[in-house]
Amino acid sequence: MAAFAGLTPQERKSGTLVNGKTCLCKIGNRRLRKALYFPALVLLQRCLQAQAFRERLLAVGKCKMKMLGALMRKLIRVIYGVLKSRKPFDPDKLLPAT
């Protein structure tokens, strides 16, 4: 599902040298990626687990947009899991506190 939305990381390399930074693939569905952007921002404001995830990624040295892309990917995985299992959303399962 994340690949369909274009939220998987893509490494830019040529031959044996890595020439660029890792970025989102963006081959997937542009509308789905746009639809996940603002919910991910709201999730950062409202969810304590998402805030902890943000702090963990920023502490490792990721930039803010990479962190937001990772959160969008987690969000689409949660959406897929809720639809597939047909169980209500549990915020504690969104981002385990590890």
PDB file of N, CA and C in Angstrom:
ATOM      1  N   MET A   1       0.824  -1.190   0.000  1.00  0.00           N
ATOM      2  CA  MET A   1       0.000   0.000   0.000  1.00  0.00           C
ATOM      3  C   MET A   1       0.866   1.251   0.000  1.00  0.00           C
ATOM      4  N   ALA A   2       1.973   1.212   0.726  1.00  0.00           N
ATOM      5  CA  ALA A   2       2.862   2.369   0.759  1.00  0.00           C
ATOM      6  C   ALA A   2       3.508   2.598  -0.600  1.00  0.00           C
ATOM      7  N   ALA A   3       3.807   1.536  -1.312  1.00  0.00           N
ATOM      8  CA  ALA A   3       4.384   1.681  -2.650  1.00  0.00           C
ATOM      9  C   ALA A   3       3.354   2.229  -3.614  1.00  0.00           C
ATOM     10  N   PHE A   4       2.093   1.843  -3.467  1.00  0.00           N
ATOM     11  CA  PHE A   4       1.037   2.359  -4.323  1.00  0.00           C
ATOM     12  C   PHE A   4       0.883   3.865  -4.130  1.00  0.00           C
ATOM     13  N   ALA A   5       1.063   4.330  -2.896  1.00  0.00           N
ATOM     14  CA  ALA A   5       0.946   5.755  -2.601  1.00  0.00           C
ATOM     15  C   ALA A   5       2.225   6.518  -2.929  1.00  0.00           C
ATOM     16  N   GLY A   6       3.312   5.817  -3.215  1.00  0.00           N
ATOM     17  CA  GLY A   6       4.574   6.497  -3.502  1.00  0.00           C
ATOM     18  C   GLY A   6       5.270   6.978  -2.249  1.00  0.00           C
ATOM     19  N   LEU A   7       5.118   6.251  -1.161  1.00  0.00           N
ATOM     20  CA  LEU A   7       5.712   6.654   0.113  1.00  0.00           C
ATOM     21  C   LEU A   7       6.893   5.789   0.518  1.00  0.00           C
ATOM     22  N   THR A   8       7.425   5.028  -0.396  1.00  0.00           N
ATOM     23  CA  THR A   8       8.592   4.203  -0.085  1.00  0.00           C
ATOM     24  C   THR A   8       9.866   4.988  -0.388  1.00  0.00           C
ATOM     25  N   PRO A   9      10.928   4.771   0.377  1.00  0.00           N
ATOM     26  CA  PRO A   9      12.165   5.500   0.122  1.00  0.00           C
ATOM     27  C   PRO A   9      12.855   5.018  -1.152  1.00  0.00           C
ATOM     28  N   GLN A  10      13.493   5.944  -1.836  1.00  0.00           N
ATOM     29  CA  GLN A  10      14.217   5.622  -3.063  1.00  0.00           C
ATOM     30  C   GLN A  10      15.640   6.158  -2.919  1.00  0.00           C
ATOM     31  N   GLU A  11      16.590   5.278  -3.109  1.00  0.00           N
ATOM     32  CA  GLU A  11      17.993   5.668  -3.002  1.00  0.00           C
ATOM     33  C   GLU A  11      18.488   6.070  -4.385  1.00  0.00           C
ATOM     34  N   ARG A  12      19.141   7.193  -4.457  1.00  0.00           N
ATOM     35  CA  ARG A  12      19.679   7.662  -5.733  1.00  0.00           C
ATOM     36  C   ARG A  12      21.141   7.264  -5.820  1.00  0.00           C
ATOM     37  N   LYS A  13      21.456   6.357  -6.740  1.00  0.00           N
ATOM     38  CA  LYS A  13      22.845   5.950  -6.898  1.00  0.00           C
ATOM     39  C   LYS A  13      23.116   5.662  -8.368  1.00  0.00           C
ATOM     40  N   SER A  14      24.351   5.812  -8.711  1.00  0.00           N
ATOM     41  CA  SER A  14      24.783   5.565 -10.072  1.00  0.00           C
ATOM     42  C   SER A  14      26.035   4.701 -10.007  1.00  0.00           C
ATOM     43  N   GLY A  15      25.934   3.482 -10.477  1.00  0.00           N
ATOM     44  CA  GLY A  15      27.084   2.594 -10.424  1.00  0.00           C
ATOM     45  C   GLY A  15      27.406   2.202  -9.008  1.00  0.00           C
ATOM     46  N   THR A  16      28.622   2.458  -8.578  1.00  0.00           N
ATOM     47  CA  THR A  16      29.027   2.096  -7.223  1.00  0.00           C
ATOM     48  C   THR A  16      28.998   3.289  -6.278  1.00  0.00           C
ATOM     49  N   LEU A  17      28.759   4.484  -6.790  1.00  0.00           N
ATOM     50  CA  LEU A  17      28.747   5.683  -5.949  1.00  0.00           C
ATOM     51  C   LEU A  17      27.329   6.117  -5.654  1.00  0.00           C
ATOM     52  N   VAL A  18      27.102   6.581  -4.447  1.00  0.00           N
ATOM     53  CA  VAL A  18      25.812   7.160  -4.083  1.00  0.00           C
ATOM     54  C   VAL A  18      25.908   8.649  -4.377  1.00  0.00           C
ATOM     55  N   ASN A  19      25.076   9.119  -5.307  1.00  0.00           N
ATOM     56  CA  ASN A  19      25.178  10.504  -5.744  1.00  0.00           C
ATOM     57  C   ASN A  19      24.202  11.445  -5.063  1.00  0.00           C
ATOM     58  N   GLY A  20      23.133  10.943  -4.494  1.00  0.00           N
ATOM     59  CA  GLY A  20      22.141  11.833  -3.918  1.00  0.00           C
ATOM     60  C   GLY A  20      21.579  11.311  -2.614  1.00  0.00           C
ATOM     61  N   LYS A  21      20.719  12.116  -2.044  1.00  0.00           N
ATOM     62  CA  LYS A  21      20.071  11.747  -0.795  1.00  0.00           C
ATOM     63  C   LYS A  21      18.889  10.842  -1.082  1.00  0.00           C
ATOM     64  N   THR A  22      18.466  10.127  -0.084  1.00  0.00           N
ATOM     65  CA  THR A  22      17.288   9.290  -0.199  1.00  0.00           C
ATOM     66  C   THR A  22      16.055  10.190  -0.168  1.00  0.00           C
ATOM     67  N   CYS A  23      15.075   9.883  -1.011  1.00  0.00           N
ATOM     68  CA  CYS A  23      13.850  10.670  -1.053  1.00  0.00           C
ATOM     69  C   CYS A  23      12.665   9.736  -1.259  1.00  0.00           C
ATOM     70  N   LEU A  24      11.458  10.294  -1.250  1.00  0.00           N
ATOM     71  CA  LEU A  24      10.278   9.490  -1.516  1.00  0.00           C
ATOM     72  C   LEU A  24      10.249   9.091  -2.975  1.00  0.00           C
ATOM     73  N   CYS A  25       9.704   7.940  -3.241  1.00  0.00           N
ATOM     74  CA  CYS A  25       9.697   7.375  -4.584  1.00  0.00           C
ATOM     75  C   CYS A  25       8.878   8.231  -5.547  1.00  0.00           C
ATOM     76  N   LYS A  26       7.690   8.656  -5.170  1.00  0.00           N
ATOM     77  CA  LYS A  26       6.786   9.507  -5.941  1.00  0.00           C
ATOM     78  C   LYS A  26       6.354   8.893  -7.261  1.00  0.00           C
ATOM     79  N   ILE A  27       6.497   7.574  -7.414  1.00  0.00           N
ATOM     80  CA  ILE A  27       5.985   6.922  -8.604  1.00  0.00           C
ATOM     81  C   ILE A  27       4.511   6.589  -8.408  1.00  0.00           C
ATOM     82  N   GLY A  28       4.068   6.521  -7.183  1.00  0.00           N
ATOM     83  CA  GLY A  28       2.716   6.093  -6.858  1.00  0.00           C
ATOM     84  C   GLY A  28       1.667   7.159  -7.083  1.00  0.00           C
ATOM     85  N   ASN A  29       0.535   6.960  -6.466  1.00  0.00           N
ATOM     86  CA  ASN A  29      -0.636   7.806  -6.630  1.00  0.00           C
ATOM     87  C   ASN A  29      -0.430   9.158  -5.945  1.00  0.00           C
ATOM     88  N   ARG A  30      -0.419  10.208  -6.743  1.00  0.00           N
ATOM     89  CA  ARG A  30      -0.172  11.557  -6.235  1.00  0.00           C
ATOM     90  C   ARG A  30      -1.322  12.038  -5.357  1.00  0.00           C
ATOM     91  N   ARG A  31      -2.544  11.710  -5.713  1.00  0.00           N
ATOM     92  CA  ARG A  31      -3.706  12.147  -4.931  1.00  0.00           C
ATOM     93  C   ARG A  31      -3.717  11.517  -3.543  1.00  0.00           C
ATOM     94  N   LEU A  32      -3.337  10.265  -3.473  1.00  0.00           N
ATOM     95  CA  LEU A  32      -3.286   9.585  -2.178  1.00  0.00           C
ATOM     96  C   LEU A  32      -2.202  10.194  -1.291  1.00  0.00           C
ATOM     97  N   ARG A  33      -1.067  10.527  -1.882  1.00  0.00           N
ATOM     98  CA  ARG A  33       0.014  11.167  -1.128  1.00  0.00           C
ATOM     99  C   ARG A  33      -0.434  12.534  -0.626  1.00  0.00           C
ATOM    100  N   LYS A  34      -1.127  13.287  -1.460  1.00  0.00           N
ATOM    101  CA  LYS A  34      -1.640  14.596  -1.043  1.00  0.00           C
ATOM    102  C   LYS A  34      -2.689  14.463   0.047  1.00  0.00           C
ATOM    103  N   ALA A  35      -3.506  13.423  -0.051  1.00  0.00           N
ATOM    104  CA  ALA A  35      -4.564  13.215   0.942  1.00  0.00           C
ATOM    105  C   ALA A  35      -4.002  12.823   2.306  1.00  0.00           C
ATOM    106  N   LEU A  36      -2.794  12.291   2.355  1.00  0.00           N
ATOM    107  CA  LEU A  36      -2.192  11.880   3.627  1.00  0.00           C
ATOM    108  C   LEU A  36      -1.354  12.980   4.275  1.00  0.00           C
ATOM    109  N   TYR A  37      -1.050  14.041   3.545  1.00  0.00           N
ATOM    110  CA  TYR A  37      -0.141  15.068   4.051  1.00  0.00           C
ATOM    111  C   TYR A  37      -0.725  15.794   5.267  1.00  0.00           C
ATOM    112  N   PHE A  38      -1.919  16.374   5.135  1.00  0.00           N
ATOM    113  CA  PHE A  38      -2.491  17.129   6.245  1.00  0.00           C
ATOM    114  C   PHE A  38      -2.917  16.244   7.418  1.00  0.00           C
ATOM    115  N   PRO A  39      -3.456  15.042   7.182  1.00  0.00           N
ATOM    116  CA  PRO A  39      -3.707  14.172   8.342  1.00  0.00           C
ATOM    117  C   PRO A  39      -2.435  13.831   9.119  1.00  0.00           C
ATOM    118  N   ALA A  40      -1.307  13.725   8.429  1.00  0.00           N
ATOM    119  CA  ALA A  40      -0.052  13.458   9.133  1.00  0.00           C
ATOM    120  C   ALA A  40       0.355  14.667   9.979  1.00  0.00           C
ATOM    121  N   LEU A  41       0.115  15.872   9.469  1.00  0.00           N
ATOM    122  CA  LEU A  41       0.424  17.069  10.255  1.00  0.00           C
ATOM    123  C   LEU A  41      -0.454  17.160  11.501  1.00  0.00           C
ATOM    124  N   VAL A  42      -1.735  16.850  11.353  1.00  0.00           N
ATOM    125  CA  VAL A  42      -2.647  16.864  12.497  1.00  0.00           C
ATOM    126  C   VAL A  42      -2.254  15.779  13.495  1.00  0.00           C
ATOM    127  N   LEU A  43      -1.839  14.635  12.989  1.00  0.00           N
ATOM    128  CA  LEU A  43      -1.394  13.551  13.854  1.00  0.00           C
ATOM    129  C   LEU A  43      -0.196  13.985  14.703  1.00  0.00           C
ATOM    130  N   LEU A  44       0.697  14.763  14.114  1.00  0.00           N
ATOM    131  CA  LEU A  44       1.844  15.267  14.871  1.00  0.00           C
ATOM    132  C   LEU A  44       1.417  16.204  15.994  1.00  0.00           C
ATOM    133  N   GLN A  45       0.348  16.949  15.778  1.00  0.00           N
ATOM    134  CA  GLN A  45      -0.113  17.888  16.801  1.00  0.00           C
ATOM    135  C   GLN A  45      -0.888  17.199  17.920  1.00  0.00           C
ATOM    136  N   ARG A  46      -1.644  16.157  17.578  1.00  0.00           N
ATOM    137  CA  ARG A  46      -2.602  15.588  18.517  1.00  0.00           C
ATOM    138  C   ARG A  46      -2.172  14.287  19.193  1.00  0.00           C
ATOM    139  N   CYS A  47      -1.279  13.522  18.585  1.00  0.00           N
ATOM    140  CA  CYS A  47      -0.964  12.182  19.076  1.00  0.00           C
ATOM    141  C   CYS A  47       0.401  12.166  19.763  1.00  0.00           C
ATOM    142  N   LEU A  48       0.426  11.703  20.990  1.00  0.00           N
ATOM    143  CA  LEU A  48       1.676  11.670  21.748  1.00  0.00           C
ATOM    144  C   LEU A  48       2.670  10.669  21.156  1.00  0.00           C
ATOM    145  N   GLN A  49       2.169   9.551  20.621  1.00  0.00           N
ATOM    146  CA  GLN A  49       3.058   8.566  20.021  1.00  0.00           C
ATOM    147  C   GLN A  49       3.719   9.131  18.765  1.00  0.00           C
ATOM    148  N   ALA A  50       2.976   9.913  17.993  1.00  0.00           N
ATOM    149  CA  ALA A  50       3.540  10.527  16.785  1.00  0.00           C
ATOM    150  C   ALA A  50       4.582  11.573  17.156  1.00  0.00           C
ATOM    151  N   GLN A  51       4.357  12.289  18.240  1.00  0.00           N
ATOM    152  CA  GLN A  51       5.339  13.279  18.685  1.00  0.00           C
ATOM    153  C   GLN A  51       6.621  12.605  19.146  1.00  0.00           C
ATOM    154  N   ALA A  52       6.487  11.477  19.808  1.00  0.00           N
ATOM    155  CA  ALA A  52       7.676  10.725  20.224  1.00  0.00           C
ATOM    156  C   ALA A  52       8.423  10.180  19.011  1.00  0.00           C
ATOM    157  N   PHE A  53       7.679   9.727  18.006  1.00  0.00           N
ATOM    158  CA  PHE A  53       8.276   9.241  16.757  1.00  0.00           C
ATOM    159  C   PHE A  53       9.045  10.372  16.071  1.00  0.00           C
ATOM    160  N   ARG A  54       8.446  11.578  16.048  1.00  0.00           N
ATOM    161  CA  ARG A  54       9.109  12.741  15.445  1.00  0.00           C
ATOM    162  C   ARG A  54      10.410  13.056  16.166  1.00  0.00           C
ATOM    163  N   GLU A  55      10.375  13.087  17.482  1.00  0.00           N
ATOM    164  CA  GLU A  55      11.579  13.409  18.249  1.00  0.00           C
ATOM    165  C   GLU A  55      12.667  12.359  18.041  1.00  0.00           C
ATOM    166  N   ARG A  56      12.272  11.087  17.947  1.00  0.00           N
ATOM    167  CA  ARG A  56      13.242  10.021  17.729  1.00  0.00           C
ATOM    168  C   ARG A  56      13.929  10.162  16.372  1.00  0.00           C
ATOM    169  N   LEU A  57      13.152  10.467  15.329  1.00  0.00           N
ATOM    170  CA  LEU A  57      13.752  10.610  14.002  1.00  0.00           C
ATOM    171  C   LEU A  57      14.603  11.870  13.890  1.00  0.00           C
ATOM    172  N   LEU A  58      14.152  12.961  14.485  1.00  0.00           N
ATOM    173  CA  LEU A  58      14.937  14.197  14.439  1.00  0.00           C
ATOM    174  C   LEU A  58      16.230  14.055  15.241  1.00  0.00           C
ATOM    175  N   ALA A  59      16.197  13.269  16.317  1.00  0.00           N
ATOM    176  CA  ALA A  59      17.409  13.046  17.104  1.00  0.00           C
ATOM    177  C   ALA A  59      18.435  12.236  16.327  1.00  0.00           C
ATOM    178  N   VAL A  60      17.962  11.357  15.442  1.00  0.00           N
ATOM    179  CA  VAL A  60      18.871  10.549  14.622  1.00  0.00           C
ATOM    180  C   VAL A  60      19.502  11.400  13.519  1.00  0.00           C
ATOM    181  N   GLY A  61      18.858  12.529  13.173  1.00  0.00           N
ATOM    182  CA  GLY A  61      19.424  13.411  12.162  1.00  0.00           C
ATOM    183  C   GLY A  61      18.602  13.512  10.890  1.00  0.00           C
ATOM    184  N   LYS A  62      17.389  12.980  10.895  1.00  0.00           N
ATOM    185  CA  LYS A  62      16.527  13.083   9.722  1.00  0.00           C
ATOM    186  C   LYS A  62      15.965  14.496   9.626  1.00  0.00           C
ATOM    187  N   CYS A  63      15.759  14.969   8.416  1.00  0.00           N
ATOM    188  CA  CYS A  63      15.156  16.290   8.243  1.00  0.00           C
ATOM    189  C   CYS A  63      13.645  16.188   8.453  1.00  0.00           C
ATOM    190  N   LYS A  64      12.984  17.318   8.563  1.00  0.00           N
ATOM    191  CA  LYS A  64      11.564  17.336   8.900  1.00  0.00           C
ATOM    192  C   LYS A  64      10.699  16.697   7.821  1.00  0.00           C
ATOM    193  N   MET A  65      11.048  16.894   6.561  1.00  0.00           N
ATOM    194  CA  MET A  65      10.239  16.317   5.492  1.00  0.00           C
ATOM    195  C   MET A  65      10.386  14.798   5.424  1.00  0.00           C
ATOM    196  N   LYS A  66      11.570  14.283   5.701  1.00  0.00           N
ATOM    197  CA  LYS A  66      11.746  12.823   5.741  1.00  0.00           C
ATOM    198  C   LYS A  66      10.961  12.234   6.896  1.00  0.00           C
ATOM    199  N   MET A  67      10.934  12.944   8.017  1.00  0.00           N
ATOM    200  CA  MET A  67      10.170  12.491   9.166  1.00  0.00           C
ATOM    201  C   MET A  67       8.684  12.482   8.827  1.00  0.00           C
ATOM    202  N   LEU A  68       8.218  13.500   8.122  1.00  0.00           N
ATOM    203  CA  LEU A  68       6.815  13.565   7.754  1.00  0.00           C
ATOM    204  C   LEU A  68       6.456  12.467   6.751  1.00  0.00           C
ATOM    205  N   GLY A  69       7.351  12.170   5.826  1.00  0.00           N
ATOM    206  CA  GLY A  69       7.127  11.067   4.893  1.00  0.00           C
ATOM    207  C   GLY A  69       7.048   9.730   5.600  1.00  0.00           C
ATOM    208  N   ALA A  70       7.896   9.534   6.605  1.00  0.00           N
ATOM    209  CA  ALA A  70       7.856   8.291   7.382  1.00  0.00           C
ATOM    210  C   ALA A  70       6.557   8.188   8.166  1.00  0.00           C
ATOM    211  N   LEU A  71       6.074   9.303   8.672  1.00  0.00           N
ATOM    212  CA  LEU A  71       4.816   9.304   9.406  1.00  0.00           C
ATOM    213  C   LEU A  71       3.640   9.035   8.468  1.00  0.00           C
ATOM    214  N   MET A  72       3.684   9.577   7.267  1.00  0.00           N
ATOM    215  CA  MET A  72       2.639   9.301   6.283  1.00  0.00           C
ATOM    216  C   MET A  72       2.620   7.813   5.930  1.00  0.00           C
ATOM    217  N   ARG A  73       3.795   7.218   5.827  1.00  0.00           N
ATOM    218  CA  ARG A  73       3.882   5.792   5.534  1.00  0.00           C
ATOM    219  C   ARG A  73       3.299   4.965   6.672  1.00  0.00           C
ATOM    220  N   LYS A  74       3.598   5.332   7.913  1.00  0.00           N
ATOM    221  CA  LYS A  74       3.015   4.637   9.057  1.00  0.00           C
ATOM    222  C   LYS A  74       1.499   4.797   9.078  1.00  0.00           C
ATOM    223  N   LEU A  75       1.033   5.999   8.734  1.00  0.00           N
ATOM    224  CA  LEU A  75      -0.398   6.270   8.741  1.00  0.00           C
ATOM    225  C   LEU A  75      -1.126   5.413   7.711  1.00  0.00           C
ATOM    226  N   ILE A  76      -0.563   5.268   6.522  1.00  0.00           N
ATOM    227  CA  ILE A  76      -1.233   4.449   5.511  1.00  0.00           C
ATOM    228  C   ILE A  76      -1.208   2.977   5.897  1.00  0.00           C
ATOM    229  N   ARG A  77      -0.181   2.545   6.597  1.00  0.00           N
ATOM    230  CA  ARG A  77      -0.145   1.157   7.077  1.00  0.00           C
ATOM    231  C   ARG A  77      -1.224   0.927   8.131  1.00  0.00           C
ATOM    232  N   VAL A  78      -1.465   1.914   8.991  1.00  0.00           N
ATOM    233  CA  VAL A  78      -2.512   1.797  10.002  1.00  0.00           C
ATOM    234  C   VAL A  78      -3.882   1.777   9.335  1.00  0.00           C
ATOM    235  N   ILE A  79      -4.090   2.642   8.351  1.00  0.00           N
ATOM    236  CA  ILE A  79      -5.363   2.673   7.630  1.00  0.00           C
ATOM    237  C   ILE A  79      -5.627   1.327   6.967  1.00  0.00           C
ATOM    238  N   TYR A  80      -4.616   0.781   6.333  1.00  0.00           N
ATOM    239  CA  TYR A  80      -4.765  -0.516   5.677  1.00  0.00           C
ATOM    240  C   TYR A  80      -5.083  -1.610   6.697  1.00  0.00           C
ATOM    241  N   GLY A  81      -4.408  -1.569   7.838  1.00  0.00           N
ATOM    242  CA  GLY A  81      -4.654  -2.568   8.870  1.00  0.00           C
ATOM    243  C   GLY A  81      -6.059  -2.498   9.440  1.00  0.00           C
ATOM    244  N   VAL A  82      -6.579  -1.289   9.627  1.00  0.00           N
ATOM    245  CA  VAL A  82      -7.939  -1.127  10.147  1.00  0.00           C
ATOM    246  C   VAL A  82      -8.951  -1.638   9.125  1.00  0.00           C
ATOM    247  N   LEU A  83      -8.726  -1.314   7.858  1.00  0.00           N
ATOM    248  CA  LEU A  83      -9.661  -1.779   6.833  1.00  0.00           C
ATOM    249  C   LEU A  83      -9.606  -3.292   6.657  1.00  0.00           C
ATOM    250  N   LYS A  84      -8.425  -3.859   6.731  1.00  0.00           N
ATOM    251  CA  LYS A  84      -8.281  -5.303   6.524  1.00  0.00           C
ATOM    252  C   LYS A  84      -8.822  -6.109   7.708  1.00  0.00           C
ATOM    253  N   SER A  85      -8.527  -5.661   8.933  1.00  0.00           N
ATOM    254  CA  SER A  85      -8.957  -6.420  10.108  1.00  0.00           C
ATOM    255  C   SER A  85     -10.395  -6.127  10.515  1.00  0.00           C
ATOM    256  N   ARG A  86     -10.937  -5.015  10.046  1.00  0.00           N
ATOM    257  CA  ARG A  86     -12.303  -4.584  10.387  1.00  0.00           C
ATOM    258  C   ARG A  86     -12.485  -4.412  11.890  1.00  0.00           C
ATOM    259  N   LYS A  87     -11.430  -3.976  12.553  1.00  0.00           N
ATOM    260  CA  LYS A  87     -11.491  -3.682  13.981  1.00  0.00           C
ATOM    261  C   LYS A  87     -11.321  -2.177  14.166  1.00  0.00           C
ATOM    262  N   PRO A  88     -11.863  -1.620  15.246  1.00  0.00           N
ATOM    263  CA  PRO A  88     -11.718  -0.182  15.466  1.00  0.00           C
ATOM    264  C   PRO A  88     -10.258   0.216  15.691  1.00  0.00           C
ATOM    265  N   PHE A  89      -9.975   1.455  15.432  1.00  0.00           N
ATOM    266  CA  PHE A  89      -8.622   1.997  15.566  1.00  0.00           C
ATOM    267  C   PHE A  89      -8.220   2.044  17.033  1.00  0.00           C
ATOM    268  N   ASP A  90      -7.009   1.602  17.326  1.00  0.00           N
ATOM    269  CA  ASP A  90      -6.444   1.657  18.670  1.00  0.00           C
ATOM    270  C   ASP A  90      -5.214   2.549  18.611  1.00  0.00           C
ATOM    271  N   PRO A  91      -5.252   3.748  19.209  1.00  0.00           N
ATOM    272  CA  PRO A  91      -4.113   4.671  19.101  1.00  0.00           C
ATOM    273  C   PRO A  91      -2.834   4.128  19.721  1.00  0.00           C
ATOM    274  N   ASP A  92      -2.932   3.194  20.657  1.00  0.00           N
ATOM    275  CA  ASP A  92      -1.723   2.635  21.258  1.00  0.00           C
ATOM    276  C   ASP A  92      -0.971   1.756  20.285  1.00  0.00           C
ATOM    277  N   LYS A  93      -1.642   1.236  19.278  1.00  0.00           N
ATOM    278  CA  LYS A  93      -0.986   0.399  18.277  1.00  0.00           C
ATOM    279  C   LYS A  93      -0.444   1.206  17.109  1.00  0.00           C
ATOM    280  N   LEU A  94      -0.712   2.522  17.086  1.00  0.00           N
ATOM    281  CA  LEU A  94      -0.245   3.363  15.992  1.00  0.00           C
ATOM    282  C   LEU A  94       1.270   3.366  15.918  1.00  0.00           C
ATOM    283  N   LEU A  95       1.896   3.770  16.983  1.00  0.00           N
ATOM    284  CA  LEU A  95       3.346   3.827  17.038  1.00  0.00           C
ATOM    285  C   LEU A  95       3.783   3.269  18.380  1.00  0.00           C
ATOM    286  N   PRO A  96       4.256   2.050  18.421  1.00  0.00           N
ATOM    287  CA  PRO A  96       4.682   1.491  19.698  1.00  0.00           C
ATOM    288  C   PRO A  96       5.788   2.322  20.332  1.00  0.00           C
ATOM    289  N   ALA A  97       5.753   2.473  21.603  1.00  0.00           N
ATOM    290  CA  ALA A  97       6.723   3.294  22.333  1.00  0.00           C
ATOM    291  C   ALA A  97       8.019   2.492  22.519  1.00  0.00           C
ATOM    292  N   THR A  98       8.822   2.397  21.472  1.00  0.00           N
ATOM    293  CA  THR A  98      10.116   1.708  21.570  1.00  0.00           C
ATOM    294  C   THR A  98      11.216   2.629  21.140  1.00  0.00           C
TER     295      THR A  98
END
